[in-house]
PDB file of N, CA and C in Angstrom:
ATOM      1  N   MET A   1     118.403 233.803  32.288  1.00  0.00           N
ATOM      2  CA  MET A   1     119.490 233.208  33.215  1.00  0.00           C
ATOM      3  C   MET A   1     120.684 233.687  32.001  1.00  0.00           C
ATOM      4  N   ALA A   2     120.531 233.699  30.782  1.00  0.00           N
ATOM      5  CA  ALA A   2     121.426 234.125  29.807  1.00  0.00           C
ATOM      6  C   ALA A   2     121.934 235.687  30.429  1.00  0.00           C
ATOM      7  N   GLU A   3     121.477 236.462  30.789  1.00  0.00           N
ATOM      8  CA  GLU A   3     121.688 237.818  31.546  1.00  0.00           C
ATOM      9  C   GLU A   3     122.431 237.583  32.348  1.00  0.00           C
ATOM     10  N   ALA A   4     122.325 236.667  33.296  1.00  0.00           N
ATOM     11  CA  ALA A   4     122.802 236.483  34.319  1.00  0.00           C
ATOM     12  C   ALA A   4     124.400 236.119  34.150  1.00  0.00           C
ATOM     13  N   PHE A   5     124.201 235.162  33.323  1.00  0.00           N
ATOM     14  CA  PHE A   5     125.642 234.476  32.760  1.00  0.00           C
ATOM     15  C   PHE A   5     126.591 235.385  32.066  1.00  0.00           C
ATOM     16  N   ALA A   6     125.784 236.220  31.195  1.00  0.00           N
ATOM     17  CA  ALA A   6     126.310 237.484  30.593  1.00  0.00           C
ATOM     18  C   ALA A   6     127.452 238.263  31.293  1.00  0.00           C
ATOM     19  N   ALA A   7     126.595 238.655  32.575  1.00  0.00           N
ATOM     20  CA  ALA A   7     126.648 239.491  33.841  1.00  0.00           C
ATOM     21  C   ALA A   7     127.905 239.165  34.952  1.00  0.00           C
ATOM     22  N   GLY A   8     128.174 237.622  34.758  1.00  0.00           N
ATOM     23  CA  GLY A   8     129.289 237.190  35.612  1.00  0.00           C
ATOM     24  C   GLY A   8     128.544 236.826  36.581  1.00  0.00           C
ATOM     25  N   GLU A   9     127.287 236.486  36.772  1.00  0.00           N
ATOM     26  CA  GLU A   9     126.552 236.245  38.230  1.00  0.00           C
ATOM     27  C   GLU A   9     126.276 234.699  38.571  1.00  0.00           C
ATOM     28  N   LEU A  10     126.844 233.824  37.138  1.00  0.00           N
ATOM     29  CA  LEU A  10     126.625 233.056  36.876  1.00  0.00           C
ATOM     30  C   LEU A  10     128.218 231.979  36.537  1.00  0.00           C
ATOM     31  N   SER A  11     128.249 231.211  37.162  1.00  0.00           N
ATOM     32  CA  SER A  11     129.611 230.295  36.142  1.00  0.00           C
ATOM     33  C   SER A  11     129.011 229.291  35.257  1.00  0.00           C
ATOM     34  N   GLU A  12     129.822 228.778  34.259  1.00  0.00           N
ATOM     35  CA  GLU A  12     129.337 227.868  33.358  1.00  0.00           C
ATOM     36  C   GLU A  12     128.696 226.732  33.813  1.00  0.00           C
ATOM     37  N   ALA A  13     129.243 226.037  35.016  1.00  0.00           N
ATOM     38  CA  ALA A  13     128.873 225.162  35.615  1.00  0.00           C
ATOM     39  C   ALA A  13     127.582 225.083  36.220  1.00  0.00           C
ATOM     40  N   GLN A  14     127.533 226.279  36.723  1.00  0.00           N
ATOM     41  CA  GLN A  14     126.047 226.706  37.416  1.00  0.00           C
ATOM     42  C   GLN A  14     124.948 226.815  36.509  1.00  0.00           C
ATOM     43  N   ALA A  15     125.102 227.676  35.053  1.00  0.00           N
ATOM     44  CA  ALA A  15     124.513 227.786  34.269  1.00  0.00           C
ATOM     45  C   ALA A  15     123.841 226.545  33.809  1.00  0.00           C
ATOM     46  N   ALA A  16     124.913 225.609  33.683  1.00  0.00           N
ATOM     47  CA  ALA A  16     124.591 223.846  32.885  1.00  0.00           C
ATOM     48  C   ALA A  16     123.597 223.251  33.928  1.00  0.00           C
ATOM     49  N   GLU A  17     123.925 223.570  35.239  1.00  0.00           N
ATOM     50  CA  GLU A  17     123.293 222.828  36.162  1.00  0.00           C
ATOM     51  C   GLU A  17     121.555 223.425  36.375  1.00  0.00           C
ATOM     52  N   ILE A  18     121.634 224.595  36.038  1.00  0.00           N
ATOM     53  CA  ILE A  18     120.151 225.086  36.218  1.00  0.00           C
ATOM     54  C   ILE A  18     119.202 224.846  34.852  1.00  0.00           C
ATOM     55  N   ALA A  19     120.143 225.162  33.599  1.00  0.00           N
ATOM     56  CA  ALA A  19     119.431 224.605  32.626  1.00  0.00           C
ATOM     57  C   ALA A  19     119.039 222.859  32.480  1.00  0.00           C
ATOM     58  N   GLN A  20     119.962 222.168  33.215  1.00  0.00           N
ATOM     59  CA  GLN A  20     119.692 220.878  33.179  1.00  0.00           C
ATOM     60  C   GLN A  20     118.364 220.238  33.788  1.00  0.00           C
ATOM     61  N   ALA A  21     118.205 221.493  35.241  1.00  0.00           N
ATOM     62  CA  ALA A  21     116.821 220.914  36.180  1.00  0.00           C
ATOM     63  C   ALA A  21     115.929 221.569  35.440  1.00  0.00           C
ATOM     64  N   ALA A  22     116.139 222.692  34.754  1.00  0.00           N
ATOM     65  CA  ALA A  22     114.725 223.177  33.902  1.00  0.00           C
ATOM     66  C   ALA A  22     114.199 222.000  32.818  1.00  0.00           C
ATOM     67  N   ASP A  23     115.214 221.548  32.219  1.00  0.00           N
ATOM     68  CA  ASP A  23     114.834 220.623  31.224  1.00  0.00           C
ATOM     69  C   ASP A  23     114.507 219.508  31.460  1.00  0.00           C
ATOM     70  N   THR A  24     114.656 218.984  32.690  1.00  0.00           N
ATOM     71  CA  THR A  24     114.023 217.889  33.569  1.00  0.00           C
ATOM     72  C   THR A  24     112.782 217.775  34.293  1.00  0.00           C
ATOM     73  N   VAL A  25     112.408 219.275  34.527  1.00  0.00           N
ATOM     74  CA  VAL A  25     111.089 219.097  35.345  1.00  0.00           C
ATOM     75  C   VAL A  25     110.124 219.488  34.662  1.00  0.00           C
ATOM     76  N   PRO A  26     108.509 219.171  34.692  1.00  0.00           N
ATOM     77  CA  PRO A  26     107.919 219.176  33.713  1.00  0.00           C
ATOM     78  C   PRO A  26     107.311 220.625  33.062  1.00  0.00           C
ATOM     79  N   ALA A  27     106.697 220.786  31.907  1.00  0.00           N
ATOM     80  CA  ALA A  27     107.070 221.984  31.105  1.00  0.00           C
ATOM     81  C   ALA A  27     106.190 223.175  32.190  1.00  0.00           C
ATOM     82  N   PHE A  28     104.887 222.804  32.913  1.00  0.00           N
ATOM     83  CA  PHE A  28     104.539 223.887  33.618  1.00  0.00           C
ATOM     84  C   PHE A  28     105.192 224.306  34.374  1.00  0.00           C
ATOM     85  N   VAL A  29     105.926 223.612  34.975  1.00  0.00           N
ATOM     86  CA  VAL A  29     107.047 224.104  36.294  1.00  0.00           C
ATOM     87  C   VAL A  29     108.112 224.961  36.043  1.00  0.00           C
ATOM     88  N   ARG A  30     108.689 224.993  34.975  1.00  0.00           N
ATOM     89  CA  ARG A  30     110.259 224.930  34.117  1.00  0.00           C
ATOM     90  C   ARG A  30     110.380 226.428  34.455  1.00  0.00           C
ATOM     91  N   GLU A  31     109.836 227.585  33.963  1.00  0.00           N
ATOM     92  CA  GLU A  31     110.164 228.790  34.490  1.00  0.00           C
ATOM     93  C   GLU A  31     110.349 228.945  35.869  1.00  0.00           C
ATOM     94  N   GLU A  32     109.334 228.827  36.601  1.00  0.00           N
ATOM     95  CA  GLU A  32     109.533 228.929  37.950  1.00  0.00           C
ATOM     96  C   GLU A  32     110.803 228.297  38.671  1.00  0.00           C
ATOM     97  N   ALA A  33     111.156 226.933  38.152  1.00  0.00           N
ATOM     98  CA  ALA A  33     111.945 226.259  38.704  1.00  0.00           C
ATOM     99  C   ALA A  33     113.464 227.032  38.503  1.00  0.00           C
ATOM    100  N   ALA A  34     113.455 227.356  37.211  1.00  0.00           N
ATOM    101  CA  ALA A  34     114.873 227.956  36.688  1.00  0.00           C
ATOM    102  C   ALA A  34     114.917 228.804  37.636  1.00  0.00           C
ATOM    103  N   ALA A  35     113.502 230.027  37.795  1.00  0.00           N
ATOM    104  CA  ALA A  35     113.952 231.278  38.541  1.00  0.00           C
ATOM    105  C   ALA A  35     114.210 230.841  40.030  1.00  0.00           C
ATOM    106  N   VAL A  36     113.840 229.806  40.625  1.00  0.00           N
ATOM    107  CA  VAL A  36     114.109 229.590  41.960  1.00  0.00           C
ATOM    108  C   VAL A  36     115.864 229.256  41.830  1.00  0.00           C
ATOM    109  N   LEU A  37     116.132 228.631  40.936  1.00  0.00           N
ATOM    110  CA  LEU A  37     117.566 227.882  41.224  1.00  0.00           C
ATOM    111  C   LEU A  37     118.046 229.264  40.769  1.00  0.00           C
ATOM    112  N   LEU A  38     118.019 230.127  39.896  1.00  0.00           N
ATOM    113  CA  LEU A  38     118.706 231.044  39.629  1.00  0.00           C
ATOM    114  C   LEU A  38     119.019 232.422  40.663  1.00  0.00           C
ATOM    115  N   GLY A  39     117.917 232.102  41.652  1.00  0.00           N
ATOM    116  CA  GLY A  39     117.583 233.212  42.642  1.00  0.00           C
ATOM    117  C   GLY A  39     118.820 232.454  44.063  1.00  0.00           C
ATOM    118  N   GLN A  40     119.112 230.875  43.904  1.00  0.00           N
ATOM    119  CA  GLN A  40     119.915 230.518  44.751  1.00  0.00           C
ATOM    120  C   GLN A  40     121.226 230.259  44.181  1.00  0.00           C
ATOM    121  N   ALA A  41     121.417 230.692  42.921  1.00  0.00           N
ATOM    122  CA  ALA A  41     122.757 230.502  42.576  1.00  0.00           C
ATOM    123  C   ALA A  41     124.106 231.080  42.949  1.00  0.00           C
ATOM    124  N   ALA A  42     123.896 232.685  43.219  1.00  0.00           N
ATOM    125  CA  ALA A  42     124.884 233.048  44.354  1.00  0.00           C
ATOM    126  C   ALA A  42     125.526 232.365  45.411  1.00  0.00           C
ATOM    127  N   SER A  43     124.670 231.518  46.002  1.00  0.00           N
ATOM    128  CA  SER A  43     125.173 231.110  47.573  1.00  0.00           C
ATOM    129  C   SER A  43     125.212 229.572  47.078  1.00  0.00           C
ATOM    130  N   LEU A  44     125.040 228.936  45.912  1.00  0.00           N
ATOM    131  CA  LEU A  44     125.235 227.432  45.846  1.00  0.00           C
ATOM    132  C   LEU A  44     126.342 227.050  44.939  1.00  0.00           C
ATOM    133  N   LYS A  45     126.919 226.030  45.069  1.00  0.00           N
ATOM    134  CA  LYS A  45     127.879 225.842  44.317  1.00  0.00           C
ATOM    135  C   LYS A  45     127.103 224.902  42.947  1.00  0.00           C
ATOM    136  N   PRO A  46     127.550 224.393  42.157  1.00  0.00           N
ATOM    137  CA  PRO A  46     126.923 223.821  41.017  1.00  0.00           C
ATOM    138  C   PRO A  46     126.345 222.469  41.590  1.00  0.00           C
ATOM    139  N   GLU A  47     127.354 221.567  42.428  1.00  0.00           N
ATOM    140  CA  GLU A  47     126.412 220.812  42.766  1.00  0.00           C
ATOM    141  C   GLU A  47     125.535 220.675  43.707  1.00  0.00           C
ATOM    142  N   GLU A  48     125.121 221.773  44.709  1.00  0.00           N
ATOM    143  CA  GLU A  48     124.282 222.007  45.158  1.00  0.00           C
ATOM    144  C   GLU A  48     123.233 222.423  44.655  1.00  0.00           C
ATOM    145  N   LEU A  49     123.361 223.077  43.054  1.00  0.00           N
ATOM    146  CA  LEU A  49     122.299 223.491  42.365  1.00  0.00           C
ATOM    147  C   LEU A  49     121.614 222.453  41.889  1.00  0.00           C
ATOM    148  N   ARG A  50     122.326 221.502  41.406  1.00  0.00           N
ATOM    149  CA  ARG A  50     122.153 219.536  40.556  1.00  0.00           C
ATOM    150  C   ARG A  50     121.255 219.416  42.427  1.00  0.00           C
ATOM    151  N   ILE A  51     121.422 219.238  42.916  1.00  0.00           N
ATOM    152  CA  ILE A  51     120.576 218.703  44.296  1.00  0.00           C
ATOM    153  C   ILE A  51     119.327 219.442  44.647  1.00  0.00           C
ATOM    154  N   ALA A  52     119.587 220.590  44.401  1.00  0.00           N
ATOM    155  CA  ALA A  52     118.549 221.433  44.664  1.00  0.00           C
ATOM    156  C   ALA A  52     117.409 221.103  43.478  1.00  0.00           C
ATOM    157  N   GLY A  53     117.902 220.962  42.346  1.00  0.00           N
ATOM    158  CA  GLY A  53     117.281 220.586  41.015  1.00  0.00           C
ATOM    159  C   GLY A  53     116.138 219.337  41.200  1.00  0.00           C
ATOM    160  N   ARG A  54     116.977 218.628  41.662  1.00  0.00           N
ATOM    161  CA  ARG A  54     116.490 217.163  41.882  1.00  0.00           C
ATOM    162  C   ARG A  54     115.317 216.977  42.944  1.00  0.00           C
ATOM    163  N   ARG A  55     115.243 218.017  44.039  1.00  0.00           N
ATOM    164  CA  ARG A  55     114.636 218.052  45.100  1.00  0.00           C
ATOM    165  C   ARG A  55     113.300 218.844  44.541  1.00  0.00           C
ATOM    166  N   ILE A  56     113.287 219.894  43.116  1.00  0.00           N
ATOM    167  CA  ILE A  56     112.453 220.324  42.822  1.00  0.00           C
ATOM    168  C   ILE A  56     111.561 219.271  42.091  1.00  0.00           C
ATOM    169  N   LEU A  57     112.393 218.627  41.030  1.00  0.00           N
ATOM    170  CA  LEU A  57     111.996 217.379  40.405  1.00  0.00           C
ATOM    171  C   LEU A  57     111.014 216.623  41.396  1.00  0.00           C
ATOM    172  N   ARG A  58     111.623 215.980  42.372  1.00  0.00           N
ATOM    173  CA  ARG A  58     110.614 215.189  43.583  1.00  0.00           C
ATOM    174  C   ARG A  58     109.885 215.532  43.911  1.00  0.00           C
ATOM    175  N   HIS A  59     109.619 217.155  43.825  1.00  0.00           N
ATOM    176  CA  HIS A  59     108.305 217.670  44.315  1.00  0.00           C
ATOM    177  C   HIS A  59     107.478 217.739  43.614  1.00  0.00           C
ATOM    178  N   VAL A  60     107.645 218.009  42.083  1.00  0.00           N
ATOM    179  CA  VAL A  60     106.412 218.067  41.478  1.00  0.00           C
ATOM    180  C   VAL A  60     106.158 216.877  40.548  1.00  0.00           C
ATOM    181  N   ASP A  61     107.179 215.837  40.415  1.00  0.00           N
ATOM    182  CA  ASP A  61     106.885 214.885  39.916  1.00  0.00           C
ATOM    183  C   ASP A  61     107.747 213.265  40.323  1.00  0.00           C
ATOM    184  N   PRO A  62     107.358 213.305  41.396  1.00  0.00           N
ATOM    185  CA  PRO A  62     108.013 211.920  42.054  1.00  0.00           C
ATOM    186  C   PRO A  62     108.174 210.737  41.293  1.00  0.00           C
ATOM    187  N   ASP A  63     107.606 210.039  40.379  1.00  0.00           N
ATOM    188  CA  ASP A  63     107.688 209.132  39.279  1.00  0.00           C
ATOM    189  C   ASP A  63     108.686 209.810  38.569  1.00  0.00           C
ATOM    190  N   LYS A  64     108.848 211.003  37.768  1.00  0.00           N
ATOM    191  CA  LYS A  64     109.859 211.295  37.103  1.00  0.00           C
ATOM    192  C   LYS A  64     111.052 211.065  37.676  1.00  0.00           C
ATOM    193  N   ALA A  65     111.357 211.704  38.689  1.00  0.00           N
ATOM    194  CA  ALA A  65     112.511 211.781  39.827  1.00  0.00           C
ATOM    195  C   ALA A  65     112.980 210.207  39.895  1.00  0.00           C
ATOM    196  N   GLU A  66     112.160 209.327  40.243  1.00  0.00           N
ATOM    197  CA  GLU A  66     112.434 208.163  40.326  1.00  0.00           C
ATOM    198  C   GLU A  66     113.326 207.863  39.289  1.00  0.00           C
ATOM    199  N   GLU A  67     112.860 207.907  38.470  1.00  0.00           N
ATOM    200  CA  GLU A  67     113.337 207.410  36.955  1.00  0.00           C
ATOM    201  C   GLU A  67     114.541 207.888  36.845  1.00  0.00           C
ATOM    202  N   HIS A  68     114.614 209.360  36.807  1.00  0.00           N
ATOM    203  CA  HIS A  68     115.861 209.910  36.474  1.00  0.00           C
ATOM    204  C   HIS A  68     116.721 209.639  37.406  1.00  0.00           C
ATOM    205  N   GLU A  69     116.553 209.540  38.552  1.00  0.00           N
ATOM    206  CA  GLU A  69     117.749 209.067  39.494  1.00  0.00           C
ATOM    207  C   GLU A  69     118.463 207.799  39.191  1.00  0.00           C
ATOM    208  N   ARG A  70     117.153 206.780  38.816  1.00  0.00           N
ATOM    209  CA  ARG A  70     117.610 205.074  38.753  1.00  0.00           C
ATOM    210  C   ARG A  70     118.269 205.325  37.445  1.00  0.00           C
ATOM    211  N   LYS A  71     118.211 206.522  36.242  1.00  0.00           N
ATOM    212  CA  LYS A  71     119.135 206.387  35.093  1.00  0.00           C
ATOM    213  C   LYS A  71     120.518 206.775  35.143  1.00  0.00           C
ATOM    214  N   GLN A  72     120.451 207.940  36.097  1.00  0.00           N
ATOM    215  CA  GLN A  72     122.125 208.164  36.708  1.00  0.00           C
ATOM    216  C   GLN A  72     122.598 207.458  37.351  1.00  0.00           C
ATOM    217  N   ILE A  73     122.169 206.553  38.250  1.00  0.00           N
ATOM    218  CA  ILE A  73     123.062 205.516  38.847  1.00  0.00           C
ATOM    219  C   ILE A  73     123.589 204.576  37.611  1.00  0.00           C
ATOM    220  N   GLU A  74     122.733 204.144  37.108  1.00  0.00           N
ATOM    221  CA  GLU A  74     122.722 203.275  35.681  1.00  0.00           C
ATOM    222  C   GLU A  74     123.987 203.958  35.187  1.00  0.00           C
ATOM    223  N   ARG A  75     123.912 204.986  34.664  1.00  0.00           N
ATOM    224  CA  ARG A  75     124.827 205.595  33.771  1.00  0.00           C
ATOM    225  C   ARG A  75     126.317 205.791  34.802  1.00  0.00           C
ATOM    226  N   GLU A  76     126.327 205.994  36.402  1.00  0.00           N
ATOM    227  CA  GLU A  76     127.310 205.868  36.878  1.00  0.00           C
ATOM    228  C   GLU A  76     127.893 204.585  37.107  1.00  0.00           C
ATOM    229  N   ASP A  77     126.807 203.527  37.325  1.00  0.00           N
ATOM    230  CA  ASP A  77     127.173 202.522  37.048  1.00  0.00           C
ATOM    231  C   ASP A  77     128.381 202.029  36.110  1.00  0.00           C
ATOM    232  N   ARG A  78     127.753 202.184  34.695  1.00  0.00           N
ATOM    233  CA  ARG A  78     128.434 201.779  33.505  1.00  0.00           C
ATOM    234  C   ARG A  78     129.615 202.575  33.490  1.00  0.00           C
ATOM    235  N   GLN A  79     129.758 203.897  33.703  1.00  0.00           N
ATOM    236  CA  GLN A  79     131.054 204.367  33.658  1.00  0.00           C
ATOM    237  C   GLN A  79     132.003 203.934  34.501  1.00  0.00           C
ATOM    238  N   ALA A  80     131.737 203.560  35.866  1.00  0.00           N
ATOM    239  CA  ALA A  80     132.657 202.968  36.209  1.00  0.00           C
ATOM    240  C   ALA A  80     133.186 201.458  35.603  1.00  0.00           C
ATOM    241  N   TRP A  81     132.262 200.605  35.220  1.00  0.00           N
ATOM    242  CA  TRP A  81     132.683 199.455  34.624  1.00  0.00           C
ATOM    243  C   TRP A  81     133.531 199.987  33.077  1.00  0.00           C
ATOM    244  N   GLU A  82     132.955 200.376  32.615  1.00  0.00           N
ATOM    245  CA  GLU A  82     133.842 201.211  31.358  1.00  0.00           C
ATOM    246  C   GLU A  82     135.261 201.475  32.019  1.00  0.00           C
ATOM    247  N   ALA A  83     135.434 202.143  33.001  1.00  0.00           N
ATOM    248  CA  ALA A  83     136.766 202.550  33.454  1.00  0.00           C
ATOM    249  C   ALA A  83     137.717 201.459  34.153  1.00  0.00           C
ATOM    250  N   ARG A  84     136.793 200.682  34.950  1.00  0.00           N
ATOM    251  CA  ARG A  84     137.370 199.432  35.145  1.00  0.00           C
ATOM    252  C   ARG A  84     138.010 198.578  34.125  1.00  0.00           C
ATOM    253  N   ALA A  85     137.409 198.344  32.767  1.00  0.00           N
ATOM    254  CA  ALA A  85     137.413 197.494  31.739  1.00  0.00           C
ATOM    255  C   ALA A  85     139.229 198.079  31.213  1.00  0.00           C
ATOM    256  N   ARG A  86     138.947 199.610  30.969  1.00  0.00           N
ATOM    257  CA  ARG A  86     140.283 200.286  30.339  1.00  0.00           C
ATOM    258  C   ARG A  86     141.546 200.123  31.219  1.00  0.00           C
ATOM    259  N   SER A  87     141.092 200.213  32.796  1.00  0.00           N
ATOM    260  CA  SER A  87     142.289 199.761  33.700  1.00  0.00           C
ATOM    261  C   SER A  87     142.077 199.212  34.489  1.00  0.00           C
ATOM    262  N   PRO A  88     142.599 197.866  34.528  1.00  0.00           N
ATOM    263  CA  PRO A  88     142.352 196.558  35.414  1.00  0.00           C
ATOM    264  C   PRO A  88     142.602 196.938  36.684  1.00  0.00           C
ATOM    265  N   SER A  89     143.364 198.055  37.244  1.00  0.00           N
ATOM    266  CA  SER A  89     143.961 198.211  38.773  1.00  0.00           C
ATOM    267  C   SER A  89     142.462 199.503  39.282  1.00  0.00           C
ATOM    268  N   ALA A  90     141.660 199.527  38.603  1.00  0.00           N
ATOM    269  CA  ALA A  90     140.723 200.484  39.131  1.00  0.00           C
ATOM    270  C   ALA A  90     139.914 199.704  40.224  1.00  0.00           C
ATOM    271  N   PRO A  91     139.502 200.601  40.980  1.00  0.00           N
ATOM    272  CA  PRO A  91     138.626 200.117  42.128  1.00  0.00           C
ATOM    273  C   PRO A  91     136.903 199.492  41.655  1.00  0.00           C
ATOM    274  N   MET A  92     136.981 198.115  41.935  1.00  0.00           N
ATOM    275  CA  MET A  92     135.301 197.302  41.659  1.00  0.00           C
ATOM    276  C   MET A  92     134.439 198.083  41.912  1.00  0.00           C
ATOM    277  N   ALA A  93     134.478 198.563  42.650  1.00  0.00           N
ATOM    278  CA  ALA A  93     132.818 199.396  43.536  1.00  0.00           C
ATOM    279  C   ALA A  93     132.022 200.291  42.172  1.00  0.00           C
ATOM    280  N   PRO A  94     131.309 200.173  42.302  1.00  0.00           N
ATOM    281  CA  PRO A  94     130.559 201.116  41.260  1.00  0.00           C
ATOM    282  C   PRO A  94     130.434 202.699  41.646  1.00  0.00           C
ATOM    283  N   ALA A  95     130.229 203.394  40.849  1.00  0.00           N
ATOM    284  CA  ALA A  95     130.577 205.037  41.376  1.00  0.00           C
ATOM    285  C   ALA A  95     128.943 204.589  42.228  1.00  0.00           C
ATOM    286  N   ALA A  96     128.282 204.472  42.158  1.00  0.00           N
ATOM    287  CA  ALA A  96     126.813 204.934  42.781  1.00  0.00           C
ATOM    288  C   ALA A  96     126.873 204.499  44.277  1.00  0.00           C
ATOM    289  N   THR A  97     128.008 203.637  44.549  1.00  0.00           N
ATOM    290  CA  THR A  97     127.931 202.844  46.089  1.00  0.00           C
ATOM    291  C   THR A  97     128.822 204.021  46.933  1.00  0.00           C
ATOM    292  N   SER A  98     128.738 203.299  48.110  1.00  0.00           N
ATOM    293  CA  SER A  98     129.565 204.269  49.256  1.00  0.00           C
ATOM    294  C   SER A  98     130.671 203.125  49.679  1.00  0.00           C
ATOM    295  N   TYR A  99     130.948 202.251  48.817  1.00  0.00           N
ATOM    296  CA  TYR A  99     132.183 201.252  49.216  1.00  0.00           C
ATOM    297  C   TYR A  99     133.285 202.234  49.078  1.00  0.00           C
ATOM    298  N   PRO A 100     134.166 201.786  50.204  1.00  0.00           N
ATOM    299  CA  PRO A 100     135.591 202.220  49.979  1.00  0.00           C
ATOM    300  C   PRO A 100     136.077 201.707  48.649  1.00  0.00           C
ATOM    301  N   ALA A 101     137.025 202.413  48.109  1.00  0.00           N
ATOM    302  CA  ALA A 101     137.896 202.117  47.175  1.00  0.00           C
ATOM    303  C   ALA A 101     138.675 200.698  47.515  1.00  0.00           C
ATOM    304  N   THR A 102     139.367 200.668  48.469  1.00  0.00           N
ATOM    305  CA  THR A 102     139.996 199.397  48.847  1.00  0.00           C
ATOM    306  C   THR A 102     139.657 199.108  50.117  1.00  0.00           C
ATOM    307  N   PRO A 103     139.309 197.694  50.249  1.00  0.00           N
ATOM    308  CA  PRO A 103     139.110 197.347  51.787  1.00  0.00           C
ATOM    309  C   PRO A 103     140.231 197.518  52.735  1.00  0.00           C
ATOM    310  N   PRO A 104     140.055 197.524  53.918  1.00  0.00           N
ATOM    311  CA  PRO A 104     140.763 197.713  55.265  1.00  0.00           C
ATOM    312  C   PRO A 104     141.849 196.722  55.111  1.00  0.00           C
ATOM    313  N   ALA A 105     142.857 197.164  55.816  1.00  0.00           N
ATOM    314  CA  ALA A 105     144.089 196.160  55.640  1.00  0.00           C
ATOM    315  C   ALA A 105     143.926 195.092  56.702  1.00  0.00           C
ATOM    316  N   LYS A 106     143.263 195.274  57.638  1.00  0.00           N
ATOM    317  CA  LYS A 106     143.027 193.917  58.614  1.00  0.00           C
ATOM    318  C   LYS A 106     141.860 194.645  59.599  1.00  0.00           C
ATOM    319  N   ALA A 107     140.564 193.387  59.728  1.00  0.00           N
ATOM    320  CA  ALA A 107     139.612 193.753  60.161  1.00  0.00           C
ATOM    321  C   ALA A 107     139.913 193.715  61.885  1.00  0.00           C
ATOM    322  N   PRO A 108     138.772 194.617  62.507  1.00  0.00           N
ATOM    323  CA  PRO A 108     139.077 194.629  63.754  1.00  0.00           C
ATOM    324  C   PRO A 108     138.623 193.653  64.442  1.00  0.00           C
ATOM    325  N   PRO A 109     139.222 193.766  65.498  1.00  0.00           N
ATOM    326  CA  PRO A 109     139.371 192.447  66.517  1.00  0.00           C
ATOM    327  C   PRO A 109     137.900 191.968  67.057  1.00  0.00           C
ATOM    328  N   TYR A 110     137.131 192.936  66.821  1.00  0.00           N
ATOM    329  CA  TYR A 110     135.891 192.310  67.326  1.00  0.00           C
ATOM    330  C   TYR A 110     134.829 191.531  66.262  1.00  0.00           C
TER     331      TYR A 110
END
């Protein structure tokens, strides 16, 4: 991966996502997972590489994937609440939800 980064084939964000995914998967598939993601890096954005890394983890270790996703949601929720504490005008909905930032002005008539 270092060679691809040095050659300009990977952005810093892409390299970080591949490294994070490789660190998350079990050791016996680490090199293969990194190679798969590296092979896809030319056509995937960093966010898409993150999703692909999570899919690999879910495939090889579903229990660890569930725990990893739970921790990520907790981290995002904590960050949202901390932001709310710093700025009272920030939306109340945690980052891990799909709720709109503000409620609609008027409910539909049905």
